[in-house]
Amino acid sequence: LKELKPSPEEVIIVCATLTKDMNSKIDLNRANALRVLGAIIARTDPTMLAQIERHLKQALVDKNCFVAASALVSGIHLMSVNGEVV
């Protein structure tokens, strides 16, 4: 996704899939979905930041350190987009 220029419809589909992965019980899927979704939102559609704000807050206090670290990385990417929300 970093190299491609997807259409807005494709971005919405990918973001919906990644949001679904953030609710997964598998920690690796949740962490990777957070990182990728944070990068996508920072580069393409900052209006979706409010939709994942709850997921980021939950991930920051997750018992798994990889999920929490991924939420921090996503927050750093999203600070440039909208620092007030993050």
PDB file of N, CA and C in Angstrom:
ATOM      1  N   LEU A   1       0.803  -1.197   0.000  1.00  0.00           N
ATOM      2  CA  LEU A   1       0.000   0.000   0.000  1.00  0.00           C
ATOM      3  C   LEU A   1       0.848   1.263   0.000  1.00  0.00           C
ATOM      4  N   LYS A   2       2.059   1.168   0.517  1.00  0.00           N
ATOM      5  CA  LYS A   2       2.911   2.345   0.531  1.00  0.00           C
ATOM      6  C   LYS A   2       3.333   2.732  -0.879  1.00  0.00           C
ATOM      7  N   GLU A   3       3.510   1.754  -1.741  1.00  0.00           N
ATOM      8  CA  GLU A   3       4.005   2.013  -3.078  1.00  0.00           C
ATOM      9  C   GLU A   3       2.885   2.284  -4.078  1.00  0.00           C
ATOM     10  N   LEU A   4       1.685   1.795  -3.786  1.00  0.00           N
ATOM     11  CA  LEU A   4       0.571   1.926  -4.715  1.00  0.00           C
ATOM     12  C   LEU A   4      -0.210   3.198  -4.456  1.00  0.00           C
ATOM     13  N   LYS A   5      -0.947   3.634  -5.455  1.00  0.00           N
ATOM     14  CA  LYS A   5      -1.857   4.758  -5.320  1.00  0.00           C
ATOM     15  C   LYS A   5      -3.280   4.221  -5.449  1.00  0.00           C
ATOM     16  N   PRO A   6      -3.836   3.695  -4.342  1.00  0.00           N
ATOM     17  CA  PRO A   6      -5.160   3.088  -4.418  1.00  0.00           C
ATOM     18  C   PRO A   6      -6.258   4.131  -4.542  1.00  0.00           C
ATOM     19  N   SER A   7      -7.380   3.706  -5.068  1.00  0.00           N
ATOM     20  CA  SER A   7      -8.539   4.584  -5.168  1.00  0.00           C
ATOM     21  C   SER A   7      -9.167   4.735  -3.782  1.00  0.00           C
ATOM     22  N   PRO A   8      -9.981   5.759  -3.578  1.00  0.00           N
ATOM     23  CA  PRO A   8     -10.617   5.941  -2.259  1.00  0.00           C
ATOM     24  C   PRO A   8     -11.477   4.752  -1.833  1.00  0.00           C
ATOM     25  N   GLU A   9     -12.113   4.083  -2.783  1.00  0.00           N
ATOM     26  CA  GLU A   9     -12.928   2.913  -2.441  1.00  0.00           C
ATOM     27  C   GLU A   9     -12.059   1.778  -1.902  1.00  0.00           C
ATOM     28  N   GLU A  10     -10.895   1.591  -2.506  1.00  0.00           N
ATOM     29  CA  GLU A  10      -9.993   0.537  -2.053  1.00  0.00           C
ATOM     30  C   GLU A  10      -9.440   0.852  -0.671  1.00  0.00           C
ATOM     31  N   VAL A  11      -9.170   2.121  -0.401  1.00  0.00           N
ATOM     32  CA  VAL A  11      -8.660   2.515   0.905  1.00  0.00           C
ATOM     33  C   VAL A  11      -9.702   2.211   1.977  1.00  0.00           C
ATOM     34  N   ILE A  12     -10.960   2.483   1.686  1.00  0.00           N
ATOM     35  CA  ILE A  12     -12.023   2.216   2.651  1.00  0.00           C
ATOM     36  C   ILE A  12     -12.136   0.724   2.933  1.00  0.00           C
ATOM     37  N   ILE A  13     -12.038  -0.088   1.898  1.00  0.00           N
ATOM     38  CA  ILE A  13     -12.134  -1.542   2.071  1.00  0.00           C
ATOM     39  C   ILE A  13     -10.961  -2.052   2.908  1.00  0.00           C
ATOM     40  N   VAL A  14      -9.767  -1.598   2.610  1.00  0.00           N
ATOM     41  CA  VAL A  14      -8.582  -2.034   3.361  1.00  0.00           C
ATOM     42  C   VAL A  14      -8.673  -1.574   4.813  1.00  0.00           C
ATOM     43  N   CYS A  15      -9.103  -0.343   5.024  1.00  0.00           N
ATOM     44  CA  CYS A  15      -9.221   0.168   6.396  1.00  0.00           C
ATOM     45  C   CYS A  15     -10.282  -0.595   7.179  1.00  0.00           C
ATOM     46  N   ALA A  16     -11.373  -0.961   6.536  1.00  0.00           N
ATOM     47  CA  ALA A  16     -12.406  -1.749   7.218  1.00  0.00           C
ATOM     48  C   ALA A  16     -11.868  -3.124   7.599  1.00  0.00           C
ATOM     49  N   THR A  17     -11.091  -3.729   6.725  1.00  0.00           N
ATOM     50  CA  THR A  17     -10.501  -5.036   7.022  1.00  0.00           C
ATOM     51  C   THR A  17      -9.500  -4.940   8.169  1.00  0.00           C
ATOM     52  N   LEU A  18      -8.682  -3.911   8.157  1.00  0.00           N
ATOM     53  CA  LEU A  18      -7.702  -3.734   9.230  1.00  0.00           C
ATOM     54  C   LEU A  18      -8.376  -3.409  10.563  1.00  0.00           C
ATOM     55  N   THR A  19      -9.469  -2.661  10.520  1.00  0.00           N
ATOM     56  CA  THR A  19     -10.222  -2.377  11.735  1.00  0.00           C
ATOM     57  C   THR A  19     -10.797  -3.661  12.306  1.00  0.00           C
ATOM     58  N   LYS A  20     -11.237  -4.540  11.425  1.00  0.00           N
ATOM     59  CA  LYS A  20     -11.736  -5.841  11.869  1.00  0.00           C
ATOM     60  C   LYS A  20     -10.600  -6.653  12.508  1.00  0.00           C
ATOM     61  N   ASP A  21      -9.403  -6.576  11.936  1.00  0.00           N
ATOM     62  CA  ASP A  21      -8.247  -7.285  12.493  1.00  0.00           C
ATOM     63  C   ASP A  21      -7.839  -6.721  13.857  1.00  0.00           C
ATOM     64  N   MET A  22      -8.133  -5.462  14.114  1.00  0.00           N
ATOM     65  CA  MET A  22      -7.781  -4.886  15.412  1.00  0.00           C
ATOM     66  C   MET A  22      -8.629  -5.473  16.532  1.00  0.00           C
ATOM     67  N   ASN A  23      -9.723  -6.119  16.203  1.00  0.00           N
ATOM     68  CA  ASN A  23     -10.566  -6.775  17.202  1.00  0.00           C
ATOM     69  C   ASN A  23     -10.242  -8.254  17.328  1.00  0.00           C
ATOM     70  N   SER A  24      -9.209  -8.711  16.657  1.00  0.00           N
ATOM     71  CA  SER A  24      -8.823 -10.114  16.674  1.00  0.00           C
ATOM     72  C   SER A  24      -8.291 -10.516  18.049  1.00  0.00           C
ATOM     73  N   LYS A  25      -8.390 -11.790  18.348  1.00  0.00           N
ATOM     74  CA  LYS A  25      -7.844 -12.298  19.609  1.00  0.00           C
ATOM     75  C   LYS A  25      -6.362 -12.611  19.485  1.00  0.00           C
ATOM     76  N   ILE A  26      -5.854 -12.645  18.261  1.00  0.00           N
ATOM     77  CA  ILE A  26      -4.436 -12.917  18.015  1.00  0.00           C
ATOM     78  C   ILE A  26      -3.668 -11.596  18.111  1.00  0.00           C
ATOM     79  N   ASP A  27      -2.747 -11.521  19.062  1.00  0.00           N
ATOM     80  CA  ASP A  27      -2.028 -10.282  19.333  1.00  0.00           C
ATOM     81  C   ASP A  27      -1.209  -9.799  18.139  1.00  0.00           C
ATOM     82  N   LEU A  28      -0.608 -10.718  17.418  1.00  0.00           N
ATOM     83  CA  LEU A  28       0.204 -10.335  16.267  1.00  0.00           C
ATOM     84  C   LEU A  28      -0.645  -9.644  15.206  1.00  0.00           C
ATOM     85  N   ASN A  29      -1.841 -10.150  14.950  1.00  0.00           N
ATOM     86  CA  ASN A  29      -2.738  -9.517  13.976  1.00  0.00           C
ATOM     87  C   ASN A  29      -3.155  -8.131  14.433  1.00  0.00           C
ATOM     88  N   ARG A  30      -3.458  -8.000  15.709  1.00  0.00           N
ATOM     89  CA  ARG A  30      -3.872  -6.691  16.227  1.00  0.00           C
ATOM     90  C   ARG A  30      -2.753  -5.671  16.116  1.00  0.00           C
ATOM     91  N   ALA A  31      -1.554  -6.075  16.486  1.00  0.00           N
ATOM     92  CA  ALA A  31      -0.420  -5.150  16.460  1.00  0.00           C
ATOM     93  C   ALA A  31      -0.098  -4.707  15.036  1.00  0.00           C
ATOM     94  N   ASN A  32      -0.044  -5.643  14.119  1.00  0.00           N
ATOM     95  CA  ASN A  32       0.263  -5.293  12.736  1.00  0.00           C
ATOM     96  C   ASN A  32      -0.842  -4.449  12.113  1.00  0.00           C
ATOM     97  N   ALA A  33      -2.092  -4.746  12.436  1.00  0.00           N
ATOM     98  CA  ALA A  33      -3.201  -3.950  11.912  1.00  0.00           C
ATOM     99  C   ALA A  33      -3.119  -2.515  12.425  1.00  0.00           C
ATOM    100  N   LEU A  34      -2.756  -2.335  13.677  1.00  0.00           N
ATOM    101  CA  LEU A  34      -2.605  -0.988  14.232  1.00  0.00           C
ATOM    102  C   LEU A  34      -1.520  -0.197  13.508  1.00  0.00           C
ATOM    103  N   ARG A  35      -0.384  -0.832  13.303  1.00  0.00           N
ATOM    104  CA  ARG A  35       0.727  -0.138  12.646  1.00  0.00           C
ATOM    105  C   ARG A  35       0.389   0.240  11.213  1.00  0.00           C
ATOM    106  N   VAL A  36      -0.175  -0.700  10.474  1.00  0.00           N
ATOM    107  CA  VAL A  36      -0.476  -0.444   9.066  1.00  0.00           C
ATOM    108  C   VAL A  36      -1.593   0.583   8.938  1.00  0.00           C
ATOM    109  N   LEU A  37      -2.621   0.455   9.750  1.00  0.00           N
ATOM    110  CA  LEU A  37      -3.738   1.392   9.675  1.00  0.00           C
ATOM    111  C   LEU A  37      -3.299   2.800  10.069  1.00  0.00           C
ATOM    112  N   GLY A  38      -2.442   2.902  11.059  1.00  0.00           N
ATOM    113  CA  GLY A  38      -1.917   4.215  11.425  1.00  0.00           C
ATOM    114  C   GLY A  38      -1.142   4.859  10.285  1.00  0.00           C
ATOM    115  N   ALA A  39      -0.340   4.073   9.595  1.00  0.00           N
ATOM    116  CA  ALA A  39       0.425   4.611   8.466  1.00  0.00           C
ATOM    117  C   ALA A  39      -0.492   5.001   7.305  1.00  0.00           C
ATOM    118  N   ILE A  40      -1.518   4.197   7.047  1.00  0.00           N
ATOM    119  CA  ILE A  40      -2.440   4.506   5.952  1.00  0.00           C
ATOM    120  C   ILE A  40      -3.216   5.782   6.244  1.00  0.00           C
ATOM    121  N   ILE A  41      -3.714   5.901   7.455  1.00  0.00           N
ATOM    122  CA  ILE A  41      -4.502   7.084   7.804  1.00  0.00           C
ATOM    123  C   ILE A  41      -3.630   8.333   7.779  1.00  0.00           C
ATOM    124  N   ALA A  42      -2.396   8.208   8.232  1.00  0.00           N
ATOM    125  CA  ALA A  42      -1.493   9.360   8.232  1.00  0.00           C
ATOM    126  C   ALA A  42      -1.190   9.836   6.821  1.00  0.00           C
ATOM    127  N   ARG A  43      -1.160   8.922   5.861  1.00  0.00           N
ATOM    128  CA  ARG A  43      -0.799   9.296   4.492  1.00  0.00           C
ATOM    129  C   ARG A  43      -1.986   9.621   3.599  1.00  0.00           C
ATOM    130  N   THR A  44      -3.135   9.011   3.850  1.00  0.00           N
ATOM    131  CA  THR A  44      -4.218   9.156   2.883  1.00  0.00           C
ATOM    132  C   THR A  44      -5.462   9.845   3.417  1.00  0.00           C
ATOM    133  N   ASP A  45      -6.011   9.384   4.544  1.00  0.00           N
ATOM    134  CA  ASP A  45      -7.334   9.833   4.978  1.00  0.00           C
ATOM    135  C   ASP A  45      -7.360  10.151   6.462  1.00  0.00           C
ATOM    136  N   PRO A  46      -6.941  11.366   6.851  1.00  0.00           N
ATOM    137  CA  PRO A  46      -6.899  11.704   8.273  1.00  0.00           C
ATOM    138  C   PRO A  46      -8.279  11.796   8.919  1.00  0.00           C
ATOM    139  N   THR A  47      -9.342  11.831   8.143  1.00  0.00           N
ATOM    140  CA  THR A  47     -10.681  11.910   8.728  1.00  0.00           C
ATOM    141  C   THR A  47     -11.071  10.618   9.443  1.00  0.00           C
ATOM    142  N   MET A  48     -10.396   9.522   9.138  1.00  0.00           N
ATOM    143  CA  MET A  48     -10.708   8.246   9.769  1.00  0.00           C
ATOM    144  C   MET A  48     -10.050   8.099  11.146  1.00  0.00           C
ATOM    145  N   LEU A  49      -9.288   9.089  11.538  1.00  0.00           N
ATOM    146  CA  LEU A  49      -8.583   9.013  12.820  1.00  0.00           C
ATOM    147  C   LEU A  49      -9.553   8.881  13.989  1.00  0.00           C
ATOM    148  N   ALA A  50     -10.659   9.584  13.944  1.00  0.00           N
ATOM    149  CA  ALA A  50     -11.635   9.517  15.039  1.00  0.00           C
ATOM    150  C   ALA A  50     -12.228   8.118  15.173  1.00  0.00           C
ATOM    151  N   GLN A  51     -12.301   7.380  14.076  1.00  0.00           N
ATOM    152  CA  GLN A  51     -12.879   6.040  14.108  1.00  0.00           C
ATOM    153  C   GLN A  51     -11.985   5.037  14.826  1.00  0.00           C
ATOM    154  N   ILE A  52     -10.682   5.227  14.754  1.00  0.00           N
ATOM    155  CA  ILE A  52      -9.781   4.249  15.388  1.00  0.00           C
ATOM    156  C   ILE A  52      -9.239   4.742  16.721  1.00  0.00           C
ATOM    157  N   GLU A  53      -9.683   5.911  17.156  1.00  0.00           N
ATOM    158  CA  GLU A  53      -9.179   6.466  18.409  1.00  0.00           C
ATOM    159  C   GLU A  53      -9.431   5.514  19.581  1.00  0.00           C
ATOM    160  N   ARG A  54     -10.603   4.926  19.650  1.00  0.00           N
ATOM    161  CA  ARG A  54     -10.935   3.996  20.735  1.00  0.00           C
ATOM    162  C   ARG A  54     -10.011   2.783  20.701  1.00  0.00           C
ATOM    163  N   HIS A  55      -9.741   2.262  19.501  1.00  0.00           N
ATOM    164  CA  HIS A  55      -8.865   1.097  19.371  1.00  0.00           C
ATOM    165  C   HIS A  55      -7.436   1.426  19.819  1.00  0.00           C
ATOM    166  N   LEU A  56      -6.975   2.621  19.487  1.00  0.00           N
ATOM    167  CA  LEU A  56      -5.634   3.026  19.912  1.00  0.00           C
ATOM    168  C   LEU A  56      -5.539   3.127  21.431  1.00  0.00           C
ATOM    169  N   LYS A  57      -6.569   3.695  22.049  1.00  0.00           N
ATOM    170  CA  LYS A  57      -6.550   3.822  23.511  1.00  0.00           C
ATOM    171  C   LYS A  57      -6.552   2.456  24.181  1.00  0.00           C
ATOM    172  N   GLN A  58      -7.341   1.537  23.649  1.00  0.00           N
ATOM    173  CA  GLN A  58      -7.364   0.191  24.215  1.00  0.00           C
ATOM    174  C   GLN A  58      -6.034  -0.512  24.028  1.00  0.00           C
ATOM    175  N   ALA A  59      -5.402  -0.306  22.883  1.00  0.00           N
ATOM    176  CA  ALA A  59      -4.137  -0.974  22.601  1.00  0.00           C
ATOM    177  C   ALA A  59      -3.000  -0.427  23.461  1.00  0.00           C
ATOM    178  N   LEU A  60      -3.071   0.841  23.837  1.00  0.00           N
ATOM    179  CA  LEU A  60      -2.016   1.423  24.666  1.00  0.00           C
ATOM    180  C   LEU A  60      -1.924   0.764  26.034  1.00  0.00           C
ATOM    181  N   VAL A  61      -3.035   0.264  26.541  1.00  0.00           N
ATOM    182  CA  VAL A  61      -3.027  -0.362  27.863  1.00  0.00           C
ATOM    183  C   VAL A  61      -3.147  -1.884  27.770  1.00  0.00           C
ATOM    184  N   ASP A  62      -2.875  -2.431  26.598  1.00  0.00           N
ATOM    185  CA  ASP A  62      -2.963  -3.872  26.396  1.00  0.00           C
ATOM    186  C   ASP A  62      -1.873  -4.587  27.197  1.00  0.00           C
ATOM    187  N   LYS A  63      -2.174  -5.810  27.624  1.00  0.00           N
ATOM    188  CA  LYS A  63      -1.201  -6.576  28.415  1.00  0.00           C
ATOM    189  C   LYS A  63      -0.025  -7.053  27.577  1.00  0.00           C
ATOM    190  N   ASN A  64      -0.212  -7.156  26.266  1.00  0.00           N
ATOM    191  CA  ASN A  64       0.865  -7.585  25.379  1.00  0.00           C
ATOM    192  C   ASN A  64       1.701  -6.361  24.994  1.00  0.00           C
ATOM    193  N   CYS A  65       2.998  -6.432  25.234  1.00  0.00           N
ATOM    194  CA  CYS A  65       3.857  -5.274  24.978  1.00  0.00           C
ATOM    195  C   CYS A  65       3.995  -4.955  23.487  1.00  0.00           C
ATOM    196  N   PHE A  66       3.869  -5.969  22.629  1.00  0.00           N
ATOM    197  CA  PHE A  66       3.970  -5.724  21.189  1.00  0.00           C
ATOM    198  C   PHE A  66       2.778  -4.908  20.701  1.00  0.00           C
ATOM    199  N   VAL A  67       1.599  -5.194  21.211  1.00  0.00           N
ATOM    200  CA  VAL A  67       0.406  -4.435  20.832  1.00  0.00           C
ATOM    201  C   VAL A  67       0.527  -2.998  21.336  1.00  0.00           C
ATOM    202  N   ALA A  68       0.969  -2.825  22.564  1.00  0.00           N
ATOM    203  CA  ALA A  68       1.128  -1.485  23.129  1.00  0.00           C
ATOM    204  C   ALA A  68       2.190  -0.689  22.369  1.00  0.00           C
ATOM    205  N   ALA A  69       3.285  -1.323  22.015  1.00  0.00           N
ATOM    206  CA  ALA A  69       4.333  -0.639  21.253  1.00  0.00           C
ATOM    207  C   ALA A  69       3.841  -0.260  19.862  1.00  0.00           C
ATOM    208  N   SER A  70       3.047  -1.111  19.255  1.00  0.00           N
ATOM    209  CA  SER A  70       2.497  -0.800  17.938  1.00  0.00           C
ATOM    210  C   SER A  70       1.532   0.373  18.012  1.00  0.00           C
ATOM    211  N   ALA A  71       0.778   0.460  19.094  1.00  0.00           N
ATOM    212  CA  ALA A  71      -0.117   1.605  19.281  1.00  0.00           C
ATOM    213  C   ALA A  71       0.686   2.893  19.446  1.00  0.00           C
ATOM    214  N   LEU A  72       1.810   2.812  20.135  1.00  0.00           N
ATOM    215  CA  LEU A  72       2.669   3.987  20.278  1.00  0.00           C
ATOM    216  C   LEU A  72       3.253   4.422  18.935  1.00  0.00           C
ATOM    217  N   VAL A  73       3.686   3.472  18.135  1.00  0.00           N
ATOM    218  CA  VAL A  73       4.219   3.793  16.805  1.00  0.00           C
ATOM    219  C   VAL A  73       3.141   4.434  15.939  1.00  0.00           C
ATOM    220  N   SER A  74       1.935   3.892  15.995  1.00  0.00           N
ATOM    221  CA  SER A  74       0.834   4.479  15.230  1.00  0.00           C
ATOM    222  C   SER A  74       0.538   5.887  15.709  1.00  0.00           C
ATOM    223  N   GLY A  75       0.577   6.083  17.026  1.00  0.00           N
ATOM    224  CA  GLY A  75       0.345   7.416  17.567  1.00  0.00           C
ATOM    225  C   GLY A  75       1.386   8.418  17.105  1.00  0.00           C
ATOM    226  N   ILE A  76       2.616   7.976  17.011  1.00  0.00           N
ATOM    227  CA  ILE A  76       3.677   8.865  16.518  1.00  0.00           C
ATOM    228  C   ILE A  76       3.430   9.252  15.066  1.00  0.00           C
ATOM    229  N   HIS A  77       3.014   8.290  14.244  1.00  0.00           N
ATOM    230  CA  HIS A  77       2.700   8.598  12.849  1.00  0.00           C
ATOM    231  C   HIS A  77       1.518   9.567  12.746  1.00  0.00           C
ATOM    232  N   LEU A  78       0.556   9.391  13.615  1.00  0.00           N
ATOM    233  CA  LEU A  78      -0.669  10.185  13.540  1.00  0.00           C
ATOM    234  C   LEU A  78      -0.530  11.552  14.212  1.00  0.00           C
ATOM    235  N   MET A  79       0.519  11.783  14.971  1.00  0.00           N
ATOM    236  CA  MET A  79       0.724  13.087  15.605  1.00  0.00           C
ATOM    237  C   MET A  79       0.842  14.194  14.575  1.00  0.00           C
ATOM    238  N   SER A  80       1.459  13.902  13.451  1.00  0.00           N
ATOM    239  CA  SER A  80       1.618  14.933  12.420  1.00  0.00           C
ATOM    240  C   SER A  80       0.296  15.270  11.738  1.00  0.00           C
ATOM    241  N   VAL A  81      -0.657  14.330  11.780  1.00  0.00           N
ATOM    242  CA  VAL A  81      -1.947  14.544  11.132  1.00  0.00           C
ATOM    243  C   VAL A  81      -2.867  15.372  12.025  1.00  0.00           C
ATOM    244  N   ASN A  82      -3.032  14.914  13.269  1.00  0.00           N
ATOM    245  CA  ASN A  82      -3.919  15.598  14.198  1.00  0.00           C
ATOM    246  C   ASN A  82      -3.427  15.324  15.613  1.00  0.00           C
ATOM    247  N   GLY A  83      -2.597  16.190  16.120  1.00  0.00           N
ATOM    248  CA  GLY A  83      -2.006  15.994  17.427  1.00  0.00           C
ATOM    249  C   GLY A  83      -2.996  16.088  18.568  1.00  0.00           C
ATOM    250  N   GLU A  84      -4.096  16.821  18.377  1.00  0.00           N
ATOM    251  CA  GLU A  84      -5.083  16.989  19.443  1.00  0.00           C
ATOM    252  C   GLU A  84      -5.795  15.679  19.746  1.00  0.00           C
ATOM    253  N   VAL A  85      -6.114  14.915  18.715  1.00  0.00           N
ATOM    254  CA  VAL A  85      -6.831  13.656  18.907  1.00  0.00           C
ATOM    255  C   VAL A  85      -5.904  12.627  19.517  1.00  0.00           C
ATOM    256  N   VAL A  86      -4.672  12.587  19.055  1.00  0.00           N
ATOM    257  CA  VAL A  86      -3.719  11.600  19.545  1.00  0.00           C
ATOM    258  C   VAL A  86      -3.282  12.001  20.930  1.00  0.00           C
TER     259      VAL A  86
END
